[in-house]
Every structure is written in C-alpha cells, then in structure tokens.
Amino acid sequence: MTDDKDKPGVFKVACPCCGAALWVDGEGRAVLRSEKAPKKKGSLDEMLVKEKERQDGFGRKFEATFELQKERHAKADELFKKALEKAEQGEEEGG
C-alpha cells in the first residue's frame, strides 16, 4: 500500500482551531487522511492551579446560593408577618 499523502496533487491542511491535519486530494477533492492534533501536556503546577480555581469557583457558588436562600427566607418571613398582622386586624374589626 502506497502512502497517499506523498502523491502529487495531495496537500496538507491544518485546522486553525484545533490543529488537526488533513491530507486532501486536490483532483478528487477527497480527504485521504486525518490526524488529530497532539494534546498539550500541562505541568503539575498548571494542573494544581486549575484545580484550585475550580475549587474556589465551587466556594463562590455555594456562598452565592446560601445568600440567595437567606434572602428568600427573610422575604418569606416578612410576608408571613404581614399576613399575620392583616389576619389579626381582620379579627379585631370583625369581632
């Protein structure tokens, strides 16, 4: 089996987004071969920094959710007190 990528009229195209390589037959306009781009290997330090950022993100999301729940609870308490006062005023006027 011959290597198609060495034929005349076959050219290599690199994807600008992912870096994958395609060998295209110019005459037949067909993709003959493709190779994925090699993955970048990060250092342990980079991985630790990413994990720390991810953990910090969880902490911020938890705090935001906690504050939102606290506000909702306070609003519900306020509405309950208003409804209770209204009910007590209605009993005094109707009684």
Protein backbone atom coordinates (compact mmCIF):
# COMPACT_ATOMS: atom_id res chain seq x y z
CA MET A 1 0.00 0.00 0.00
CA THR A 2 1.47 3.34 -1.01
CA ASP A 3 1.33 6.41 1.13
CA ASP A 4 -1.33 8.66 -0.45
CA LYS A 5 -0.01 11.78 1.20
CA ASP A 6 3.17 11.66 -0.92
CA LYS A 7 1.24 11.71 -4.24
CA PRO A 8 1.33 14.84 -6.41
CA GLY A 9 -1.84 16.91 -6.06
CA VAL A 10 -2.25 15.93 -2.41
CA PHE A 11 -1.76 18.68 0.09
CA LYS A 12 -1.84 19.00 3.85
CA VAL A 13 -4.23 21.42 5.54
CA ALA A 14 -4.02 22.33 9.24
CA CYS A 15 -7.14 23.34 11.15
CA PRO A 16 -6.62 26.76 12.74
CA CYS A 17 -8.93 25.92 15.65
CA CYS A 18 -7.84 22.50 16.85
CA GLY A 19 -4.59 21.98 14.97
CA ALA A 20 -5.71 18.74 13.30
CA ALA A 21 -4.06 17.87 9.97
CA LEU A 22 -5.96 16.78 6.85
CA TRP A 23 -4.44 15.43 3.65
CA VAL A 24 -6.70 16.39 0.75
CA ASP A 25 -6.61 15.13 -2.84
CA GLY A 26 -6.85 18.26 -4.99
CA GLU A 27 -8.19 16.48 -8.03
CA GLY A 28 -10.75 14.23 -6.37
CA ARG A 29 -11.48 16.75 -3.60
CA ALA A 30 -11.49 13.99 -1.02
CA VAL A 31 -9.93 13.79 2.39
CA LEU A 32 -7.39 10.99 2.25
CA ARG A 33 -6.16 11.04 5.80
CA SER A 34 -6.59 12.98 9.03
CA GLU A 35 -4.59 13.23 12.22
CA LYS A 36 -5.70 14.74 15.48
CA ALA A 37 -3.51 17.43 16.93
CA PRO A 38 -1.25 16.30 19.73
CA LYS A 39 -2.63 17.16 23.13
CA LYS A 40 -0.68 19.65 25.12
CA LYS A 41 0.62 18.15 28.31
CA GLY A 42 0.38 20.56 31.18
CA SER A 43 2.71 20.62 34.08
CA LEU A 44 1.68 19.53 37.55
CA ASP A 45 1.79 23.15 38.70
CA GLU A 46 -0.64 24.22 35.98
CA MET A 47 -2.97 21.38 36.87
CA LEU A 48 -2.87 22.34 40.56
CA VAL A 49 -3.64 25.97 39.71
CA LYS A 50 -6.63 24.91 37.58
CA GLU A 51 -7.92 22.64 40.35
CA LYS A 52 -7.54 25.45 42.91
CA GLU A 53 -9.51 27.80 40.64
CA ARG A 54 -12.20 25.16 40.22
CA GLN A 55 -12.45 24.65 43.99
CA ASP A 56 -12.64 28.43 44.54
CA GLY A 57 -15.45 28.57 41.99
CA PHE A 58 -17.40 25.98 43.97
CA GLY A 59 -16.92 28.04 47.12
CA ARG A 60 -18.19 31.21 45.43
CA LYS A 61 -21.21 29.38 44.00
CA PHE A 62 -22.02 27.93 47.42
CA GLU A 63 -21.80 31.35 49.08
CA ALA A 64 -23.99 32.94 46.40
CA THR A 65 -26.59 30.19 46.75
CA PHE A 66 -26.52 30.49 50.54
CA GLU A 67 -27.07 34.26 50.38
CA LEU A 68 -29.92 33.82 47.90
CA GLN A 69 -31.62 31.29 50.18
CA LYS A 70 -31.13 33.62 53.15
CA GLU A 71 -32.79 36.48 51.24
CA ARG A 72 -35.69 34.25 50.19
CA HIS A 73 -36.19 33.09 53.77
CA ALA A 74 -36.19 36.69 55.06
CA LYS A 75 -38.71 37.71 52.39
CA ALA A 76 -40.96 34.77 53.25
CA ASP A 77 -40.79 35.67 56.96
CA GLU A 78 -41.70 39.26 56.16
CA LEU A 79 -44.68 38.20 54.03
CA PHE A 80 -45.83 35.82 56.76
CA LYS A 81 -45.68 38.57 59.40
CA LYS A 82 -47.65 40.94 57.19
CA ALA A 83 -50.29 38.27 56.53
CA LEU A 84 -50.48 37.51 60.27
CA GLU A 85 -50.91 41.19 61.14
CA LYS A 86 -53.60 41.52 58.47
CA ALA A 87 -55.43 38.48 59.83
CA GLU A 88 -55.27 39.85 63.40
CA GLN A 89 -56.62 43.25 62.25
CA GLY A 90 -59.45 41.49 60.42
CA GLU A 91 -60.42 39.59 63.60
CA GLU A 92 -60.41 42.77 65.68
CA GLU A 93 -62.61 44.63 63.16
CA GLY A 94 -64.96 41.71 62.54
CA GLY A 95 -65.17 40.55 66.17
